[in-house]
Amino acid sequence: MLLFLESHDAGRGVMMILRPLLAGMLLFGVLAAPARADVFELHSGGEVHGTLVNGDQSPRETYVVKTHMGGEVVLAAEQVKKVAHQSPAEVMYDQIRAKATDTVEDQWKLAEWCRKYRLLQERRKHLERIVELNPNHADARHGLGYSQVQGRWVTHDTMMAENGYLRYKGAWLLPQEIEIKERTRKEKLARLEWATKLKRWYRWLGTDKQAEALAGIKAIDDPFAVDALARMLSDTKQVAPRDVRLLYVEALGRINDNAGLGALVTASLFDPDEEVRLSSLDEIVDRQYKPAVKKYVQMLRDKENLMVNRSAYCLGRMKEPEAIGPLIDALVTVHTFKIQKGQPGQTQATFGQSSNGGGGGGFTFGGSGVEIIKRSFENRSVLEALVALTGTSFNFDQQGWKKWYAAQRRPTSLDTRRDDDTSSP
C-alpha cells in the first residue's frame, strides 16, 4: 500500500482530494492508490485501461500498457483509434468495480459512488443492472427516471409517448404542434430563398445577366416572395431603376396577398417616384383592396398638406362612399410651419406647403429667430375626390357639404297618415 505524507498546505490539499477516494477503495477492499491512467480505444470497438509505459517512443509503433491488475498489454499503433486520459475518480472506479460483486447491494454502492463523483454514464449502467436484478428497487427506478403509475413503472418519455406526444428538437410536442412548427420553418426558408434571389437579380442589373433577372421578376407569383418584394420596393439604400421597381409593383399586385397589397398602399402614399405611386394605386384599385381606404382616411389628418391631398386623390380613385365624411372634414385644413425671421427691419415673405391643393402665403415682420405660424389650405384634391364620389359640388363650403351629407344619411320617413276619401258631416 502506498503511503501519503502530509506536508503543510500542499500535503493537506492532496489528502483532502484523496481521502474520499481512499474511502471508496477501502469499501471494496482496494489497497492501491489512484494514479494517472489512460483509456486506449481500439478500432475493433474494445478498450484497454491502464498506464502507458513507453510514453517516450517516437515514432509511435506500439503502446505498452500496464493494466490495473498489474499485467502488461502490447498494442500495435494501428490498433489504437484514440487515447483518452482518465481522471483519478475514473481510475479508482475501474479498480473498485473489479472488486464489486454482481449483487443489488454492491451495485447500489457503485451507483451511489458514481453519483458522488459525477460519473453519470457509469452510474446509469449500475442502476440498470440493479433493476435487472430487482425490478421493484424503488431508488434505482427513480434514479433512472421512472415513476410508478397505476402499479407499473414507467419513464417520463413513455408517459408522454402514450399520451400522443412526440419528441421534436429536445421537446415533447403534439403532432399538430410539430406540424405548425415545421410549416413555419419551411415558410421561413422559402422567404429567405426569395430574399436571396431578389438580391442576386438586383446585382445582375446592368450586366449580361440582366435579361435573366428581369424575366425572373416578371414570373414571380409565389406568396412567400411578398416580404422580399416589399423590402426591395421600399429600399432607400439600393434603389433599383424605375422599370425594375414597377416590376416589383406588378408582382405584388399579381400575387394579390394582403401583406403585398399593404406594401402597395404604403408605396402609393410615400414612394418618391410619382410613376411608382400611381402604378401601386392602380393595383390597389383593380383589386378593390378595402383596407386601403382606412389608411387613406387616416392620412387625411396628416400634418403635411402634401399627404392630405395625396391620400384624397387615392380615395377618389377608390370610390368608397364611407370616405365622404372624412373628405368633407379635410376640405380645408390647418398646418403649422416654422419660418426664419429676417434681420431687424426686414420683411420676409413665406409660403406654406401645398400640393394639388391651395395654399396661402403671408408676410413676417420683425427680428431674427424662428417663428411658428399656422395657415389654412383649401385642398383641391379633396374637393375633386368629393365630386367624383357624390356627383355634386359645394366648392369649399364645408357647412354646405355637411348639410347635404346629413340629408343624404337621414332615413326616408314614411307618411303614416291615411288619405280618407270620405269626411264626416
Protein backbone atom coordinates (compact mmCIF):
# COMPACT_ATOMS: atom_id res chain seq x y z
CA MET A 1 0.00 0.00 0.00
CA LEU A 2 1.36 3.44 -0.93
CA LEU A 3 1.66 5.95 1.90
CA PHE A 4 0.86 9.67 1.54
CA LEU A 5 2.68 12.05 3.88
CA GLU A 6 1.01 15.34 4.76
CA SER A 7 3.34 18.34 4.41
CA HIS A 8 1.84 21.71 5.28
CA ASP A 9 -0.80 23.20 2.94
CA ALA A 10 0.18 21.27 -0.18
CA GLY A 11 0.03 17.96 1.66
CA ARG A 12 -3.29 18.78 3.25
CA GLY A 13 -4.71 19.72 -0.21
CA VAL A 14 -3.66 16.39 -1.65
CA MET A 15 -5.14 14.44 1.24
CA MET A 16 -8.43 16.37 1.05
CA ILE A 17 -8.80 15.05 -2.51
CA LEU A 18 -7.56 11.52 -1.83
CA ARG A 19 -9.34 10.75 1.45
CA PRO A 20 -12.82 10.29 -0.07
CA LEU A 21 -11.31 8.30 -2.92
CA LEU A 22 -9.43 6.10 -0.49
CA ALA A 23 -12.64 5.64 1.47
CA GLY A 24 -14.29 4.28 -1.64
CA MET A 25 -11.40 1.98 -2.30
CA LEU A 26 -11.42 0.60 1.22
CA LEU A 27 -15.16 -0.01 0.90
CA PHE A 28 -14.38 -2.69 -1.67
CA GLY A 29 -11.00 -3.76 -0.26
CA VAL A 30 -8.90 -1.99 -2.86
CA LEU A 31 -5.46 -1.10 -1.49
CA ALA A 32 -3.81 0.64 -4.46
CA ALA A 33 -3.89 4.43 -4.58
CA PRO A 34 -5.43 6.07 -7.67
CA ALA A 35 -2.88 7.06 -10.30
CA ARG A 36 -2.93 8.60 -13.71
CA ALA A 37 -4.30 6.21 -16.31
CA ASP A 38 -5.46 6.18 -19.89
CA VAL A 39 -8.19 4.57 -21.95
CA PHE A 40 -6.99 3.10 -25.24
CA GLU A 41 -9.93 2.97 -27.62
CA LEU A 42 -9.41 0.32 -30.30
CA HIS A 43 -10.58 0.35 -33.92
CA SER A 44 -12.22 -3.00 -33.20
CA GLY A 45 -14.52 -1.33 -30.68
CA GLY A 46 -12.89 -2.53 -27.47
CA GLU A 47 -10.99 -0.61 -24.80
CA VAL A 48 -7.88 -1.16 -22.72
CA HIS A 49 -7.49 0.70 -19.43
CA GLY A 50 -4.10 1.30 -17.88
CA THR A 51 -0.92 3.35 -17.83
CA LEU A 52 1.31 3.89 -20.85
CA VAL A 53 4.77 2.53 -20.14
CA ASN A 54 6.65 3.54 -23.30
CA GLY A 55 5.49 7.15 -23.45
CA ASP A 56 8.76 8.40 -24.91
CA GLN A 57 8.67 6.16 -28.00
CA SER A 58 8.89 8.16 -31.25
CA PRO A 59 7.77 7.46 -33.85
CA ARG A 60 4.96 5.50 -32.22
CA GLU A 61 4.99 1.83 -33.17
CA THR A 62 3.45 0.21 -30.11
CA TYR A 63 1.58 1.06 -26.95
CA VAL A 64 2.84 -0.84 -23.91
CA VAL A 65 0.06 -0.57 -21.33
CA LYS A 66 0.32 -1.59 -17.68
CA THR A 67 -3.17 -2.58 -16.55
CA HIS A 68 -4.71 -2.00 -13.15
CA MET A 69 -4.32 -5.72 -12.44
CA GLY A 70 -0.52 -5.44 -12.79
CA GLY A 71 -0.07 -7.08 -16.18
CA GLU A 72 1.15 -5.52 -19.42
CA VAL A 73 -0.56 -5.42 -22.80
CA VAL A 74 1.24 -4.54 -26.03
CA LEU A 75 -0.87 -2.88 -28.73
CA ALA A 76 0.26 -2.13 -32.27
CA ALA A 77 -0.09 1.56 -33.12
CA GLU A 78 -2.53 0.82 -35.93
CA GLN A 79 -4.84 -0.96 -33.47
CA VAL A 80 -5.42 2.18 -31.39
CA LYS A 81 -8.06 4.63 -32.56
CA LYS A 82 -7.83 7.17 -29.73
CA VAL A 83 -6.17 7.64 -26.33
CA ALA A 84 -8.15 9.41 -23.61
CA HIS A 85 -6.83 10.38 -20.19
CA GLN A 86 -8.72 9.28 -17.10
CA SER A 87 -9.37 11.36 -14.01
CA PRO A 88 -8.38 9.99 -10.59
CA ALA A 89 -12.03 9.16 -9.95
CA GLU A 90 -12.26 7.20 -13.22
CA VAL A 91 -9.07 5.32 -12.35
CA MET A 92 -10.37 4.35 -8.94
CA TYR A 93 -13.75 3.44 -10.40
CA ASP A 94 -12.05 0.83 -12.59
CA GLN A 95 -10.37 -0.59 -9.51
CA ILE A 96 -13.36 -0.74 -7.19
CA ARG A 97 -15.67 -2.01 -9.95
CA ALA A 98 -13.36 -5.02 -10.39
CA LYS A 99 -13.77 -5.85 -6.67
CA ALA A 100 -17.56 -5.40 -6.55
CA THR A 101 -19.91 -8.37 -6.73
CA ASP A 102 -22.93 -8.65 -9.03
CA THR A 103 -25.44 -8.13 -6.22
CA VAL A 104 -28.04 -5.45 -5.63
CA GLU A 105 -26.11 -4.25 -2.57
CA ASP A 106 -22.74 -3.80 -4.31
CA GLN A 107 -24.27 -2.40 -7.48
CA TRP A 108 -26.12 0.20 -5.42
CA LYS A 109 -22.88 1.14 -3.62
CA LEU A 110 -21.21 1.62 -7.00
CA ALA A 111 -24.12 3.68 -8.30
CA GLU A 112 -24.05 5.99 -5.28
CA TRP A 113 -20.26 6.33 -5.51
CA CYS A 114 -20.57 7.27 -9.19
CA ARG A 115 -23.25 9.82 -8.36
CA LYS A 116 -20.97 11.44 -5.80
CA TYR A 117 -18.14 11.79 -8.29
CA ARG A 118 -20.39 12.68 -11.23
CA LEU A 119 -19.64 9.57 -13.30
CA LEU A 120 -23.17 9.68 -14.64
CA GLN A 121 -22.88 7.20 -17.51
CA GLU A 122 -21.28 4.62 -15.24
CA ARG A 123 -23.97 5.25 -12.59
CA ARG A 124 -26.72 4.58 -15.10
CA LYS A 125 -25.20 1.22 -16.02
CA HIS A 126 -25.27 0.12 -12.37
CA LEU A 127 -28.83 1.36 -11.85
CA GLU A 128 -29.94 -0.58 -14.93
CA ARG A 129 -28.22 -3.69 -13.58
CA ILE A 130 -30.00 -3.25 -10.23
CA VAL A 131 -33.37 -3.12 -12.00
CA GLU A 132 -32.48 -6.32 -13.85
CA LEU A 133 -31.72 -7.99 -10.52
CA ASN A 134 -34.67 -6.43 -8.68
CA PRO A 135 -37.33 -4.85 -10.92
CA ASN A 136 -39.06 -3.19 -7.94
CA HIS A 137 -35.99 -1.46 -6.49
CA ALA A 138 -37.62 1.97 -5.99
CA ASP A 139 -34.43 4.03 -5.56
CA ALA A 140 -32.86 2.61 -8.72
CA ARG A 141 -36.10 3.14 -10.64
CA HIS A 142 -36.29 6.76 -9.53
CA GLY A 143 -32.63 7.26 -10.41
CA LEU A 144 -33.42 6.10 -13.95
CA GLY A 145 -36.34 8.50 -14.23
CA TYR A 146 -39.18 6.05 -13.59
CA SER A 147 -42.39 6.81 -11.76
CA GLN A 148 -44.97 4.36 -10.55
CA VAL A 149 -48.28 4.94 -12.33
CA GLN A 150 -51.23 2.67 -11.63
CA GLY A 151 -49.00 -0.10 -10.33
CA ARG A 152 -46.39 -0.06 -13.11
CA TRP A 153 -43.02 1.59 -13.52
CA VAL A 154 -42.88 3.97 -16.47
CA THR A 155 -40.45 6.67 -17.59
CA HIS A 156 -41.45 10.22 -18.38
CA ASP A 157 -40.71 9.55 -22.05
CA THR A 158 -43.03 6.55 -22.04
CA MET A 159 -45.84 8.53 -20.40
CA MET A 160 -45.51 11.33 -22.94
CA ALA A 161 -45.48 8.90 -25.86
CA GLU A 162 -48.52 7.08 -24.52
CA ASN A 163 -50.35 10.41 -24.34
CA GLY A 164 -49.71 11.11 -28.01
CA TYR A 165 -46.66 13.36 -27.72
CA LEU A 166 -43.64 13.13 -29.99
CA ARG A 167 -40.05 14.15 -29.43
CA TYR A 168 -39.16 17.21 -31.50
CA LYS A 169 -35.86 19.06 -31.17
CA GLY A 170 -35.48 18.23 -27.49
CA ALA A 171 -39.10 18.91 -26.51
CA TRP A 172 -42.30 16.88 -26.26
CA LEU A 173 -44.97 18.23 -28.58
CA LEU A 174 -48.28 17.10 -30.00
CA PRO A 175 -48.26 16.14 -33.70
CA GLN A 176 -50.33 19.23 -34.50
CA GLU A 177 -47.75 21.48 -32.81
CA ILE A 178 -44.94 19.82 -34.72
CA GLU A 179 -46.84 20.30 -37.97
CA ILE A 180 -47.23 24.03 -37.25
CA LYS A 181 -43.57 24.41 -36.35
CA GLU A 182 -42.46 22.53 -39.46
CA ARG A 183 -44.74 24.62 -41.66
CA THR A 184 -43.39 27.81 -40.07
CA ARG A 185 -39.82 26.62 -40.58
CA LYS A 186 -40.42 25.82 -44.25
CA GLU A 187 -42.18 29.14 -44.83
CA LYS A 188 -39.26 31.00 -43.26
CA LEU A 189 -36.83 29.14 -45.51
CA ALA A 190 -38.96 29.96 -48.56
CA ARG A 191 -38.95 33.67 -47.67
CA LEU A 192 -35.18 33.63 -47.17
CA GLU A 193 -34.73 31.95 -50.55
CA TRP A 194 -36.77 34.69 -52.26
CA ALA A 195 -34.77 37.39 -50.49
CA THR A 196 -31.58 35.77 -51.77
CA LYS A 197 -32.95 35.51 -55.31
CA LEU A 198 -34.10 39.13 -55.49
CA LYS A 199 -30.79 40.42 -54.14
CA ARG A 200 -28.96 38.30 -56.72
CA TRP A 201 -31.16 39.62 -59.54
CA TYR A 202 -30.56 43.18 -58.33
CA ARG A 203 -26.81 42.59 -58.64
CA TRP A 204 -27.32 41.29 -62.17
CA LEU A 205 -28.89 44.58 -63.34
CA GLY A 206 -26.62 46.28 -65.83
CA THR A 207 -24.71 43.04 -66.55
CA ASP A 208 -25.03 40.39 -69.23
CA LYS A 209 -27.47 38.60 -66.88
CA GLN A 210 -29.97 41.49 -66.71
CA ALA A 211 -32.44 39.83 -69.09
CA GLU A 212 -32.47 36.72 -66.89
CA ALA A 213 -33.04 38.86 -63.80
CA LEU A 214 -35.97 40.75 -65.36
CA ALA A 215 -37.54 37.51 -66.59
CA GLY A 216 -37.29 36.08 -63.08
CA ILE A 217 -39.06 39.07 -61.54
CA LYS A 218 -41.81 39.02 -64.18
CA ALA A 219 -42.54 35.36 -63.39
CA ILE A 220 -42.93 35.77 -59.61
CA ASP A 221 -46.30 34.54 -58.32
CA ASP A 222 -45.30 32.95 -55.00
CA PRO A 223 -46.83 34.49 -51.83
CA PHE A 224 -43.60 33.73 -49.98
CA ALA A 225 -41.88 36.30 -52.19
CA VAL A 226 -44.03 39.15 -50.83
CA ASP A 227 -41.75 40.15 -47.93
CA ALA A 228 -38.67 40.31 -50.15
CA LEU A 229 -40.52 42.24 -52.88
CA ALA A 230 -41.83 44.77 -50.35
CA ARG A 231 -38.34 45.29 -48.93
CA MET A 232 -36.82 45.75 -52.39
CA LEU A 233 -39.55 48.24 -53.32
CA SER A 234 -39.05 50.36 -50.20
CA ASP A 235 -35.25 50.06 -50.01
CA THR A 236 -33.79 53.57 -49.97
CA LYS A 237 -30.14 52.45 -49.98
CA GLN A 238 -30.23 50.16 -53.01
CA VAL A 239 -32.79 51.81 -55.25
CA ALA A 240 -33.47 49.83 -58.41
CA PRO A 241 -34.25 51.62 -61.69
CA ARG A 242 -37.85 52.73 -62.19
CA ASP A 243 -38.72 49.98 -64.70
CA VAL A 244 -37.50 47.32 -62.24
CA ARG A 245 -39.41 48.85 -59.34
CA LEU A 246 -42.53 48.87 -61.49
CA LEU A 247 -41.98 45.13 -61.97
CA TYR A 248 -41.93 44.76 -58.18
CA VAL A 249 -45.28 46.60 -58.06
CA GLU A 250 -46.77 44.35 -60.75
CA ALA A 251 -45.54 41.22 -58.95
CA LEU A 252 -47.10 42.32 -55.63
CA GLY A 253 -50.40 43.02 -57.41
CA ARG A 254 -50.24 39.71 -59.27
CA ILE A 255 -49.72 37.73 -56.05
CA ASN A 256 -52.73 39.56 -54.52
CA ASP A 257 -51.69 38.88 -50.93
CA ASN A 258 -52.82 41.16 -48.09
CA ALA A 259 -49.26 41.83 -46.96
CA GLY A 260 -48.23 42.68 -50.51
CA LEU A 261 -51.21 44.95 -51.10
CA GLY A 262 -50.45 46.66 -47.80
CA ALA A 263 -46.95 47.37 -49.12
CA LEU A 264 -48.50 48.88 -52.24
CA VAL A 265 -50.70 51.16 -50.10
CA THR A 266 -47.54 52.47 -48.45
CA ALA A 267 -45.86 52.93 -51.83
CA SER A 268 -48.92 54.76 -53.22
CA LEU A 269 -48.51 57.35 -50.49
CA PHE A 270 -44.80 57.67 -49.79
CA ASP A 271 -42.77 56.49 -52.75
CA PRO A 272 -40.73 59.43 -54.10
CA ASP A 273 -41.40 58.38 -57.71
CA GLU A 274 -44.82 59.51 -58.94
CA GLU A 275 -44.99 56.74 -61.54
CA VAL A 276 -44.41 54.11 -58.86
CA ARG A 277 -47.05 55.72 -56.64
CA LEU A 278 -49.66 55.77 -59.39
CA SER A 279 -48.89 52.22 -60.51
CA SER A 280 -49.21 51.00 -56.91
CA LEU A 281 -52.58 52.75 -56.67
CA ASP A 282 -53.69 51.12 -59.94
CA GLU A 283 -53.04 47.67 -58.47
CA ILE A 284 -54.97 48.57 -55.30
CA VAL A 285 -57.95 49.94 -57.23
CA ASP A 286 -58.03 46.98 -59.63
CA ARG A 287 -58.30 44.61 -56.67
CA GLN A 288 -60.61 46.86 -54.62
CA TYR A 289 -58.42 46.39 -51.58
CA LYS A 290 -60.76 47.81 -48.92
CA PRO A 291 -58.20 48.09 -46.07
CA ALA A 292 -56.51 50.80 -48.15
CA VAL A 293 -59.49 53.12 -47.55
CA LYS A 294 -58.84 53.14 -43.79
CA LYS A 295 -55.19 54.08 -44.32
CA TYR A 296 -56.05 56.85 -46.79
CA VAL A 297 -58.72 58.26 -44.46
CA GLN A 298 -56.20 58.27 -41.62
CA MET A 299 -53.74 60.22 -43.77
CA LEU A 300 -56.33 62.96 -44.34
CA ARG A 301 -55.36 64.13 -40.83
CA ASP A 302 -51.63 64.19 -41.60
CA LYS A 303 -49.66 67.26 -40.54
CA GLU A 304 -48.28 67.59 -44.08
CA ASN A 305 -50.67 69.20 -46.54
CA LEU A 306 -48.98 67.24 -49.31
CA MET A 307 -50.09 63.95 -47.76
CA VAL A 308 -53.65 65.21 -47.22
CA ASN A 309 -54.07 65.85 -50.94
CA ARG A 310 -52.23 62.70 -51.95
CA SER A 311 -54.47 60.48 -49.81
CA ALA A 312 -57.58 62.34 -51.05
CA TYR A 313 -56.62 61.56 -54.64
CA CYS A 314 -56.33 57.87 -53.70
CA LEU A 315 -59.77 57.94 -52.06
CA GLY A 316 -61.26 59.50 -55.16
CA ARG A 317 -59.90 56.58 -57.17
CA MET A 318 -61.21 54.01 -54.67
CA LYS A 319 -64.77 55.44 -54.89
CA GLU A 320 -65.65 54.28 -51.38
CA PRO A 321 -68.75 56.11 -50.01
CA GLU A 322 -67.59 55.79 -46.40
CA ALA A 323 -64.79 58.26 -47.20
CA ILE A 324 -67.23 61.12 -47.92
CA GLY A 325 -67.49 62.31 -44.30
CA PRO A 326 -63.73 62.37 -43.65
CA LEU A 327 -63.17 64.11 -47.01
CA ILE A 328 -65.63 66.88 -46.08
CA ASP A 329 -63.68 67.39 -42.84
CA ALA A 330 -60.46 67.64 -44.86
CA LEU A 331 -61.71 70.20 -47.41
CA VAL A 332 -59.93 72.94 -45.51
CA THR A 333 -57.05 72.01 -43.22
CA VAL A 334 -54.73 73.99 -40.97
CA HIS A 335 -50.98 73.30 -40.94
CA THR A 336 -48.15 74.58 -38.80
CA PHE A 337 -44.86 75.93 -40.17
CA LYS A 338 -41.59 77.19 -38.79
CA ILE A 339 -40.23 80.26 -40.54
CA GLN A 340 -36.93 82.05 -40.22
CA LYS A 341 -37.29 85.75 -39.48
CA GLY A 342 -35.12 88.21 -41.33
CA GLN A 343 -32.82 90.84 -39.89
CA PRO A 344 -34.41 93.67 -37.89
CA GLY A 345 -36.38 95.94 -40.14
CA GLN A 346 -36.58 93.41 -42.98
CA THR A 347 -39.77 91.96 -44.41
CA GLN A 348 -39.68 88.26 -45.38
CA ALA A 349 -42.36 86.57 -47.48
CA THR A 350 -43.17 82.98 -46.54
CA PHE A 351 -45.39 80.47 -48.26
CA GLY A 352 -46.92 77.31 -46.87
CA GLN A 353 -46.52 73.81 -48.26
CA SER A 354 -49.09 72.61 -50.78
CA SER A 355 -49.63 70.00 -53.46
CA ASN A 356 -52.67 69.70 -55.69
CA GLY A 357 -54.41 71.95 -53.19
CA GLY A 358 -54.44 75.65 -52.46
CA GLY A 359 -52.11 77.31 -50.04
CA GLY A 360 -51.97 80.77 -48.56
CA GLY A 361 -48.90 82.95 -48.37
CA GLY A 362 -48.06 85.64 -45.89
CA PHE A 363 -45.55 88.13 -44.62
CA THR A 364 -43.49 88.14 -41.49
CA PHE A 365 -42.02 91.25 -39.87
CA GLY A 366 -39.55 91.60 -37.08
CA GLY A 367 -36.18 90.49 -35.85
CA SER A 368 -34.13 87.36 -36.29
CA GLY A 369 -35.16 83.94 -34.98
CA VAL A 370 -37.76 81.26 -35.70
CA GLU A 371 -41.48 81.92 -35.65
CA ILE A 372 -44.26 79.34 -35.58
CA ILE A 373 -47.21 80.16 -37.82
CA LYS A 374 -50.40 78.37 -38.85
CA ARG A 375 -52.09 78.56 -42.24
CA SER A 376 -55.27 77.09 -43.62
CA PHE A 377 -55.41 75.39 -47.02
CA GLU A 378 -58.28 74.73 -49.39
CA ASN A 379 -57.41 71.26 -50.66
CA ARG A 380 -58.18 70.90 -54.36
CA SER A 381 -57.63 67.13 -54.47
CA VAL A 382 -60.09 66.67 -51.59
CA LEU A 383 -62.75 68.62 -53.49
CA GLU A 384 -62.14 66.62 -56.66
CA ALA A 385 -62.47 63.36 -54.72
CA LEU A 386 -65.79 64.53 -53.21
CA VAL A 387 -67.14 65.49 -56.62
CA ALA A 388 -66.09 62.10 -58.02
CA LEU A 389 -67.80 60.26 -55.14
CA THR A 390 -71.02 62.33 -54.93
CA GLY A 391 -71.62 63.82 -58.37
CA THR A 392 -72.30 67.21 -56.79
CA SER A 393 -70.28 70.16 -55.58
CA PHE A 394 -70.48 72.86 -52.94
CA ASN A 395 -66.97 74.06 -53.71
CA PHE A 396 -65.04 74.63 -50.43
CA ASP A 397 -68.20 75.39 -48.41
CA GLN A 398 -67.78 72.82 -45.63
CA GLN A 399 -71.08 73.75 -43.98
CA GLY A 400 -72.92 73.29 -47.27
CA TRP A 401 -71.31 69.88 -47.73
CA LYS A 402 -72.15 68.82 -44.18
CA LYS A 403 -75.82 69.79 -44.52
CA TRP A 404 -76.07 67.94 -47.79
CA TYR A 405 -74.34 64.85 -46.35
CA ALA A 406 -76.61 64.84 -43.28
CA ALA A 407 -79.65 64.99 -45.55
CA GLN A 408 -78.35 62.08 -47.60
CA ARG A 409 -77.87 59.97 -44.49
CA ARG A 410 -81.27 60.80 -42.94
CA PRO A 411 -83.68 57.83 -43.24
CA THR A 412 -86.60 58.42 -45.54
CA SER A 413 -89.69 58.96 -43.35
CA LEU A 414 -92.93 57.34 -44.31
CA ASP A 415 -96.17 59.34 -44.26
CA THR A 416 -98.33 57.35 -41.90
CA ARG A 417 -101.40 59.49 -42.47
CA ARG A 418 -104.22 57.84 -44.41
CA ASP A 419 -105.91 59.59 -47.28
CA ASP A 420 -109.59 59.40 -46.41
CA ASP A 421 -111.96 59.92 -49.33
CA THR A 422 -114.97 60.48 -47.04
CA SER A 423 -115.45 63.06 -44.37
CA SER A 424 -117.94 63.32 -41.53
CA PRO A 425 -120.69 65.92 -41.95
